[in-house]
Amino acid sequence: MNYPQKIKNWLLDIVFPVRCINCGEFGQYLCRKCLNLIPLKQGFECIGCKQRVPLGQTCRLCLKEN
């Protein structure tokens, strides 16, 4: 890496330090502990009524409304 690139990276680290956006831990923008706290959907749901549907398709009732 060249010298100007090192200076640029150093200045960016001062202005935008690499810290977790949730807990503030240094090293990553989202630490593993906070990443594991994000809830994940276990199934697909209709975009209109939020009813469980296969493969994320819009349900028949919501299709008829549009």
N, C-alpha and C. Protein backbone atom coordinates (compact mmCIF):
# COMPACT_ATOMS: atom_id res chain seq x y z
N MET A 1 0.86 -1.18 0.00
CA MET A 1 0.00 0.00 0.00
C MET A 1 0.90 1.23 0.00
N ASN A 2 0.53 2.23 -0.76
CA ASN A 2 1.36 3.42 -0.85
C ASN A 2 1.08 4.39 0.30
N TYR A 3 1.97 5.33 0.46
CA TYR A 3 1.91 6.27 1.58
C TYR A 3 0.64 7.13 1.56
N PRO A 4 0.24 7.74 0.42
CA PRO A 4 -1.01 8.51 0.42
C PRO A 4 -2.24 7.67 0.78
N GLN A 5 -2.25 6.42 0.36
CA GLN A 5 -3.37 5.53 0.71
C GLN A 5 -3.41 5.28 2.21
N LYS A 6 -2.27 5.11 2.84
CA LYS A 6 -2.21 4.91 4.30
C LYS A 6 -2.72 6.14 5.04
N ILE A 7 -2.35 7.32 4.55
CA ILE A 7 -2.80 8.57 5.19
C ILE A 7 -4.32 8.69 5.05
N LYS A 8 -4.84 8.40 3.87
CA LYS A 8 -6.29 8.48 3.64
C LYS A 8 -7.02 7.51 4.57
N ASN A 9 -6.55 6.27 4.67
CA ASN A 9 -7.19 5.28 5.55
C ASN A 9 -7.10 5.69 7.01
N TRP A 10 -5.99 6.28 7.42
CA TRP A 10 -5.81 6.73 8.79
C TRP A 10 -6.81 7.84 9.11
N LEU A 11 -6.96 8.80 8.18
CA LEU A 11 -7.91 9.89 8.39
C LEU A 11 -9.35 9.37 8.42
N LEU A 12 -9.68 8.43 7.55
CA LEU A 12 -11.03 7.86 7.57
C LEU A 12 -11.30 7.12 8.88
N ASP A 13 -10.30 6.44 9.42
CA ASP A 13 -10.47 5.74 10.69
C ASP A 13 -10.69 6.70 11.84
N ILE A 14 -10.12 7.89 11.74
CA ILE A 14 -10.33 8.89 12.78
C ILE A 14 -11.76 9.44 12.70
N VAL A 15 -12.21 9.77 11.49
CA VAL A 15 -13.53 10.35 11.30
C VAL A 15 -14.64 9.30 11.44
N PHE A 16 -14.42 8.13 10.86
CA PHE A 16 -15.40 7.04 10.90
C PHE A 16 -14.75 5.79 11.50
N PRO A 17 -14.63 5.73 12.82
CA PRO A 17 -13.98 4.57 13.43
C PRO A 17 -14.81 3.29 13.21
N VAL A 18 -14.11 2.17 13.13
CA VAL A 18 -14.78 0.88 12.93
C VAL A 18 -15.30 0.41 14.29
N ARG A 19 -16.59 0.72 14.55
CA ARG A 19 -17.25 0.35 15.80
C ARG A 19 -18.60 -0.25 15.48
N CYS A 20 -19.02 -1.16 16.33
CA CYS A 20 -20.34 -1.78 16.17
C CYS A 20 -21.41 -0.70 16.30
N ILE A 21 -22.36 -0.69 15.37
CA ILE A 21 -23.40 0.33 15.40
C ILE A 21 -24.40 0.12 16.53
N ASN A 22 -24.38 -1.04 17.16
CA ASN A 22 -25.32 -1.32 18.25
C ASN A 22 -24.67 -1.14 19.62
N CYS A 23 -23.57 -1.82 19.87
CA CYS A 23 -22.98 -1.79 21.21
C CYS A 23 -21.73 -0.92 21.32
N GLY A 24 -21.14 -0.53 20.18
CA GLY A 24 -19.97 0.34 20.19
C GLY A 24 -18.64 -0.37 20.32
N GLU A 25 -18.63 -1.68 20.27
CA GLU A 25 -17.38 -2.45 20.36
C GLU A 25 -16.54 -2.18 19.11
N PHE A 26 -15.24 -1.97 19.32
CA PHE A 26 -14.34 -1.69 18.21
C PHE A 26 -14.01 -2.96 17.43
N GLY A 27 -13.78 -2.80 16.12
CA GLY A 27 -13.32 -3.90 15.30
C GLY A 27 -14.20 -4.22 14.11
N GLN A 28 -15.52 -4.09 14.26
CA GLN A 28 -16.45 -4.40 13.17
C GLN A 28 -17.63 -3.44 13.25
N TYR A 29 -18.26 -3.20 12.10
CA TYR A 29 -19.42 -2.31 12.09
C TYR A 29 -20.65 -2.98 12.71
N LEU A 30 -20.68 -4.29 12.74
CA LEU A 30 -21.74 -5.04 13.42
C LEU A 30 -21.10 -6.29 13.99
N CYS A 31 -20.90 -6.32 15.30
CA CYS A 31 -20.20 -7.45 15.92
C CYS A 31 -21.07 -8.71 15.88
N ARG A 32 -20.44 -9.84 16.08
CA ARG A 32 -21.13 -11.13 16.00
C ARG A 32 -22.25 -11.24 17.04
N LYS A 33 -22.01 -10.69 18.24
CA LYS A 33 -23.02 -10.76 19.30
C LYS A 33 -24.28 -9.99 18.89
N CYS A 34 -24.11 -8.80 18.34
CA CYS A 34 -25.26 -7.99 17.92
C CYS A 34 -25.90 -8.56 16.66
N LEU A 35 -25.12 -9.15 15.79
CA LEU A 35 -25.65 -9.78 14.59
C LEU A 35 -26.58 -10.93 14.96
N ASN A 36 -26.23 -11.68 16.00
CA ASN A 36 -27.07 -12.81 16.44
C ASN A 36 -28.36 -12.35 17.11
N LEU A 37 -28.45 -11.07 17.51
CA LEU A 37 -29.66 -10.55 18.15
C LEU A 37 -30.73 -10.16 17.13
N ILE A 38 -30.38 -10.07 15.86
CA ILE A 38 -31.33 -9.68 14.83
C ILE A 38 -32.28 -10.85 14.58
N PRO A 39 -33.60 -10.63 14.76
CA PRO A 39 -34.54 -11.74 14.54
C PRO A 39 -34.69 -12.03 13.04
N LEU A 40 -34.72 -13.30 12.70
CA LEU A 40 -34.88 -13.72 11.32
C LEU A 40 -36.25 -14.35 11.13
N LYS A 41 -36.86 -14.08 10.00
CA LYS A 41 -38.14 -14.69 9.67
C LYS A 41 -37.92 -16.16 9.37
N GLN A 42 -38.80 -17.01 9.85
CA GLN A 42 -38.68 -18.45 9.64
C GLN A 42 -39.48 -18.94 8.44
N GLY A 43 -40.35 -18.10 7.91
CA GLY A 43 -41.17 -18.51 6.78
C GLY A 43 -41.53 -17.30 5.94
N PHE A 44 -42.24 -17.55 4.87
CA PHE A 44 -42.66 -16.48 3.97
C PHE A 44 -44.05 -16.00 4.35
N GLU A 45 -44.34 -14.72 4.04
CA GLU A 45 -45.65 -14.18 4.31
C GLU A 45 -46.09 -13.28 3.16
N CYS A 46 -47.39 -13.15 3.02
CA CYS A 46 -47.98 -12.30 1.99
C CYS A 46 -47.61 -10.85 2.27
N ILE A 47 -47.29 -10.11 1.23
CA ILE A 47 -46.91 -8.72 1.42
C ILE A 47 -48.10 -7.84 1.83
N GLY A 48 -49.31 -8.30 1.55
CA GLY A 48 -50.50 -7.51 1.87
C GLY A 48 -51.03 -7.76 3.27
N CYS A 49 -51.33 -9.03 3.58
CA CYS A 49 -52.02 -9.34 4.84
C CYS A 49 -51.12 -10.05 5.87
N LYS A 50 -49.90 -10.34 5.50
CA LYS A 50 -48.92 -10.99 6.40
C LYS A 50 -49.28 -12.43 6.76
N GLN A 51 -50.17 -13.04 6.01
CA GLN A 51 -50.53 -14.44 6.22
C GLN A 51 -49.41 -15.32 5.65
N ARG A 52 -49.14 -16.46 6.29
CA ARG A 52 -48.11 -17.38 5.79
C ARG A 52 -48.50 -17.94 4.44
N VAL A 53 -47.56 -17.86 3.48
CA VAL A 53 -47.79 -18.37 2.13
C VAL A 53 -46.54 -19.08 1.64
N PRO A 54 -46.67 -19.99 0.68
CA PRO A 54 -45.49 -20.67 0.16
C PRO A 54 -44.68 -19.76 -0.77
N LEU A 55 -43.38 -19.81 -0.64
CA LEU A 55 -42.44 -19.13 -1.52
C LEU A 55 -42.62 -17.62 -1.61
N GLY A 56 -43.22 -16.99 -0.62
CA GLY A 56 -43.35 -15.55 -0.58
C GLY A 56 -44.31 -14.96 -1.59
N GLN A 57 -45.23 -15.75 -2.08
CA GLN A 57 -46.20 -15.27 -3.07
C GLN A 57 -47.30 -14.45 -2.39
N THR A 58 -47.93 -13.59 -3.14
CA THR A 58 -49.08 -12.85 -2.62
C THR A 58 -50.28 -13.80 -2.57
N CYS A 59 -51.03 -13.78 -1.46
CA CYS A 59 -52.16 -14.71 -1.32
C CYS A 59 -53.28 -14.35 -2.28
N ARG A 60 -54.21 -15.28 -2.49
CA ARG A 60 -55.30 -15.10 -3.44
C ARG A 60 -56.19 -13.92 -3.09
N LEU A 61 -56.45 -13.72 -1.80
CA LEU A 61 -57.33 -12.61 -1.39
C LEU A 61 -56.71 -11.26 -1.71
N CYS A 62 -55.42 -11.12 -1.49
CA CYS A 62 -54.76 -9.84 -1.77
C CYS A 62 -54.57 -9.63 -3.27
N LEU A 63 -54.43 -10.70 -4.04
CA LEU A 63 -54.34 -10.57 -5.49
C LEU A 63 -55.65 -10.02 -6.07
N LYS A 64 -56.79 -10.46 -5.51
CA LYS A 64 -58.09 -10.02 -6.02
C LYS A 64 -58.34 -8.55 -5.73
N GLU A 65 -57.76 -8.01 -4.65
CA GLU A 65 -57.97 -6.61 -4.28
C GLU A 65 -57.27 -5.67 -5.26
N ASN A 66 -56.21 -6.11 -5.89
CA ASN A 66 -55.43 -5.23 -6.78
C ASN A 66 -55.89 -5.31 -8.17
